[in-house]
Amino acid sequence: MTVELDTGWNLRSVMASRGIFQTSKLKPLLEERGIDLSREQVYRLVTQPPQRVRLDVLAALCDALECSLDDLVTITRREASVPVAVGEETRGSIGDLRPVRAAIRRPRTK
């Protein structure tokens, strides 16, 4: 069994719970904490789950929104089954794997 981790990015819902509904309102809060992001970067940070985030940006978000890292990021662990190779279930016999003979029909002539 392999382990898969699913992550959730909840910045938008945390902002909404604090009464912040526009991404432009988040930019000054980050600038007060020394984080200078462009308007587009802040918009992408709110609307799309980021692949990577600097630690100082996460700290500034948590401080500005008065939340913890657990509020911003949710991690769900699940065990994924290893895919079984084709034919591994029927190792002893061919069973349903035998090819079906094709039936060729001649076209009707008029």
C-alpha atoms as a PDB file:
ATOM      1  CA  MET A   1       0.000   0.000   0.000  1.00  0.00           C
ATOM      2  CA  THR A   2       1.163   3.485  -0.808  1.00  0.00           C
ATOM      3  CA  VAL A   3       0.136   6.620   1.016  1.00  0.00           C
ATOM      4  CA  GLU A   4      -1.345   9.584  -0.853  1.00  0.00           C
ATOM      5  CA  LEU A   5      -1.698  13.041   0.668  1.00  0.00           C
ATOM      6  CA  ASP A   6      -4.498  15.334  -0.469  1.00  0.00           C
ATOM      7  CA  THR A   7      -4.092  18.982   0.458  1.00  0.00           C
ATOM      8  CA  GLY A   8      -6.761  21.647   0.645  1.00  0.00           C
ATOM      9  CA  TRP A   9      -6.143  25.403   0.430  1.00  0.00           C
ATOM     10  CA  ASN A  10      -8.718  27.290   2.516  1.00  0.00           C
ATOM     11  CA  LEU A  11      -7.499  30.889   2.267  1.00  0.00           C
ATOM     12  CA  ARG A  12     -10.684  32.144   0.627  1.00  0.00           C
ATOM     13  CA  SER A  13     -12.959  30.649   3.304  1.00  0.00           C
ATOM     14  CA  VAL A  14     -10.710  31.936   6.111  1.00  0.00           C
ATOM     15  CA  MET A  15     -10.833  35.408   4.562  1.00  0.00           C
ATOM     16  CA  ALA A  16     -14.626  35.215   4.313  1.00  0.00           C
ATOM     17  CA  SER A  17     -14.940  34.187   7.949  1.00  0.00           C
ATOM     18  CA  ARG A  18     -12.977  37.343   8.854  1.00  0.00           C
ATOM     19  CA  GLY A  19     -15.203  39.545   6.681  1.00  0.00           C
ATOM     20  CA  ILE A  20     -12.676  39.983   3.853  1.00  0.00           C
ATOM     21  CA  PHE A  21     -14.320  39.238   0.513  1.00  0.00           C
ATOM     22  CA  GLN A  22     -12.000  41.030  -1.914  1.00  0.00           C
ATOM     23  CA  THR A  23      -8.440  40.025  -2.700  1.00  0.00           C
ATOM     24  CA  SER A  24      -7.450  43.685  -2.873  1.00  0.00           C
ATOM     25  CA  LYS A  25      -8.145  43.985   0.881  1.00  0.00           C
ATOM     26  CA  LEU A  26      -5.512  41.326   1.623  1.00  0.00           C
ATOM     27  CA  LYS A  27      -2.630  43.146  -0.106  1.00  0.00           C
ATOM     28  CA  PRO A  28      -2.326  45.998   2.478  1.00  0.00           C
ATOM     29  CA  LEU A  29      -2.489  43.482   5.334  1.00  0.00           C
ATOM     30  CA  LEU A  30       0.454  41.604   3.850  1.00  0.00           C
ATOM     31  CA  GLU A  31       2.380  44.827   3.174  1.00  0.00           C
ATOM     32  CA  GLU A  32       2.043  45.787   6.864  1.00  0.00           C
ATOM     33  CA  ARG A  33       3.894  42.548   7.638  1.00  0.00           C
ATOM     34  CA  GLY A  34       6.686  43.133   5.118  1.00  0.00           C
ATOM     35  CA  ILE A  35       5.336  40.960   2.285  1.00  0.00           C
ATOM     36  CA  ASP A  36       5.308  42.773  -1.052  1.00  0.00           C
ATOM     37  CA  LEU A  37       3.264  40.808  -3.580  1.00  0.00           C
ATOM     38  CA  SER A  38       1.730  42.168  -6.752  1.00  0.00           C
ATOM     39  CA  ARG A  39      -2.022  42.421  -7.123  1.00  0.00           C
ATOM     40  CA  GLU A  40      -1.985  39.432  -9.492  1.00  0.00           C
ATOM     41  CA  GLN A  41       0.080  37.315  -7.097  1.00  0.00           C
ATOM     42  CA  VAL A  42      -2.348  37.980  -4.260  1.00  0.00           C
ATOM     43  CA  TYR A  43      -5.280  37.122  -6.519  1.00  0.00           C
ATOM     44  CA  ARG A  44      -3.677  33.806  -7.561  1.00  0.00           C
ATOM     45  CA  LEU A  45      -2.793  33.045  -3.946  1.00  0.00           C
ATOM     46  CA  VAL A  46      -6.447  33.392  -2.955  1.00  0.00           C
ATOM     47  CA  THR A  47      -8.153  31.784  -5.940  1.00  0.00           C
ATOM     48  CA  GLN A  48      -5.816  28.884  -6.799  1.00  0.00           C
ATOM     49  CA  PRO A  49      -4.167  26.307  -4.559  1.00  0.00           C
ATOM     50  CA  PRO A  50      -0.451  27.136  -4.679  1.00  0.00           C
ATOM     51  CA  GLN A  51       2.174  24.487  -5.403  1.00  0.00           C
ATOM     52  CA  ARG A  52       4.601  26.168  -3.004  1.00  0.00           C
ATOM     53  CA  VAL A  53       4.384  29.096  -0.605  1.00  0.00           C
ATOM     54  CA  ARG A  54       7.226  30.878   1.155  1.00  0.00           C
ATOM     55  CA  LEU A  55       7.249  30.415   4.895  1.00  0.00           C
ATOM     56  CA  ASP A  56       7.236  34.172   5.554  1.00  0.00           C
ATOM     57  CA  VAL A  57       4.116  34.543   3.379  1.00  0.00           C
ATOM     58  CA  LEU A  58       2.367  31.790   5.356  1.00  0.00           C
ATOM     59  CA  ALA A  59       3.371  33.450   8.632  1.00  0.00           C
ATOM     60  CA  ALA A  60       2.082  36.824   7.403  1.00  0.00           C
ATOM     61  CA  LEU A  61      -1.222  35.279   6.265  1.00  0.00           C
ATOM     62  CA  CYS A  62      -1.700  33.567   9.624  1.00  0.00           C
ATOM     63  CA  ASP A  63      -0.897  36.778  11.510  1.00  0.00           C
ATOM     64  CA  ALA A  64      -3.044  39.039   9.309  1.00  0.00           C
ATOM     65  CA  LEU A  65      -6.063  36.713   9.429  1.00  0.00           C
ATOM     66  CA  GLU A  66      -5.487  35.681  13.060  1.00  0.00           C
ATOM     67  CA  CYS A  67      -5.602  32.001  12.197  1.00  0.00           C
ATOM     68  CA  SER A  68      -3.351  28.984  12.401  1.00  0.00           C
ATOM     69  CA  LEU A  69      -1.669  27.025   9.647  1.00  0.00           C
ATOM     70  CA  ASP A  70      -4.218  24.251  10.214  1.00  0.00           C
ATOM     71  CA  ASP A  71      -6.961  26.702   9.226  1.00  0.00           C
ATOM     72  CA  LEU A  72      -5.244  27.546   5.927  1.00  0.00           C
ATOM     73  CA  VAL A  73      -4.064  24.093   4.879  1.00  0.00           C
ATOM     74  CA  THR A  74      -5.891  20.815   5.376  1.00  0.00           C
ATOM     75  CA  ILE A  75      -4.055  17.571   4.776  1.00  0.00           C
ATOM     76  CA  THR A  76      -5.913  14.313   4.257  1.00  0.00           C
ATOM     77  CA  ARG A  77      -4.009  11.059   4.292  1.00  0.00           C
ATOM     78  CA  ARG A  78      -5.324   8.019   2.488  1.00  0.00           C
ATOM     79  CA  GLU A  79      -3.873   4.687   1.585  1.00  0.00           C
ATOM     80  CA  ALA A  80      -3.963   3.913  -2.103  1.00  0.00           C
ATOM     81  CA  SER A  81      -3.894   0.390  -3.377  1.00  0.00           C
ATOM     82  CA  VAL A  82      -1.095  -0.619  -5.670  1.00  0.00           C
ATOM     83  CA  PRO A  83      -2.441  -1.285  -9.177  1.00  0.00           C
ATOM     84  CA  VAL A  84      -2.502  -4.965 -10.055  1.00  0.00           C
ATOM     85  CA  ALA A  85      -0.915  -5.991 -13.340  1.00  0.00           C
ATOM     86  CA  VAL A  86      -3.222  -7.305 -16.059  1.00  0.00           C
ATOM     87  CA  GLY A  87      -3.607 -11.045 -15.870  1.00  0.00           C
ATOM     88  CA  GLU A  88      -2.359 -11.264 -12.316  1.00  0.00           C
ATOM     89  CA  GLU A  89      -5.793 -12.272 -11.015  1.00  0.00           C
ATOM     90  CA  THR A  90      -6.056 -15.189 -13.469  1.00  0.00           C
ATOM     91  CA  ARG A  91      -2.513 -16.425 -13.222  1.00  0.00           C
ATOM     92  CA  GLY A  92      -3.478 -20.118 -13.437  1.00  0.00           C
ATOM     93  CA  SER A  93      -5.756 -20.138 -16.481  1.00  0.00           C
ATOM     94  CA  ILE A  94      -6.404 -18.010 -19.505  1.00  0.00           C
ATOM     95  CA  GLY A  95     -10.153 -17.888 -18.870  1.00  0.00           C
ATOM     96  CA  ASP A  96     -11.763 -14.817 -20.481  1.00  0.00           C
ATOM     97  CA  LEU A  97      -8.535 -13.689 -22.073  1.00  0.00           C
ATOM     98  CA  ARG A  98      -8.922 -15.942 -25.120  1.00  0.00           C
ATOM     99  CA  PRO A  99      -9.462 -13.951 -28.321  1.00  0.00           C
ATOM    100  CA  VAL A 100     -12.832 -14.115 -30.015  1.00  0.00           C
ATOM    101  CA  ARG A 101     -12.748 -15.188 -33.620  1.00  0.00           C
ATOM    102  CA  ALA A 102     -13.868 -12.406 -35.954  1.00  0.00           C
ATOM    103  CA  ALA A 103     -16.793 -13.047 -38.281  1.00  0.00           C
ATOM    104  CA  ILE A 104     -16.241 -11.543 -41.720  1.00  0.00           C
ATOM    105  CA  ARG A 105     -19.388 -11.019 -43.754  1.00  0.00           C
ATOM    106  CA  ARG A 106     -19.397 -10.360 -47.445  1.00  0.00           C
ATOM    107  CA  PRO A 107     -21.383  -7.374 -48.631  1.00  0.00           C
ATOM    108  CA  ARG A 108     -24.726  -8.113 -50.242  1.00  0.00           C
ATOM    109  CA  THR A 109     -24.806  -7.732 -53.972  1.00  0.00           C
ATOM    110  CA  LYS A 110     -27.858  -6.294 -55.665  1.00  0.00           C
END
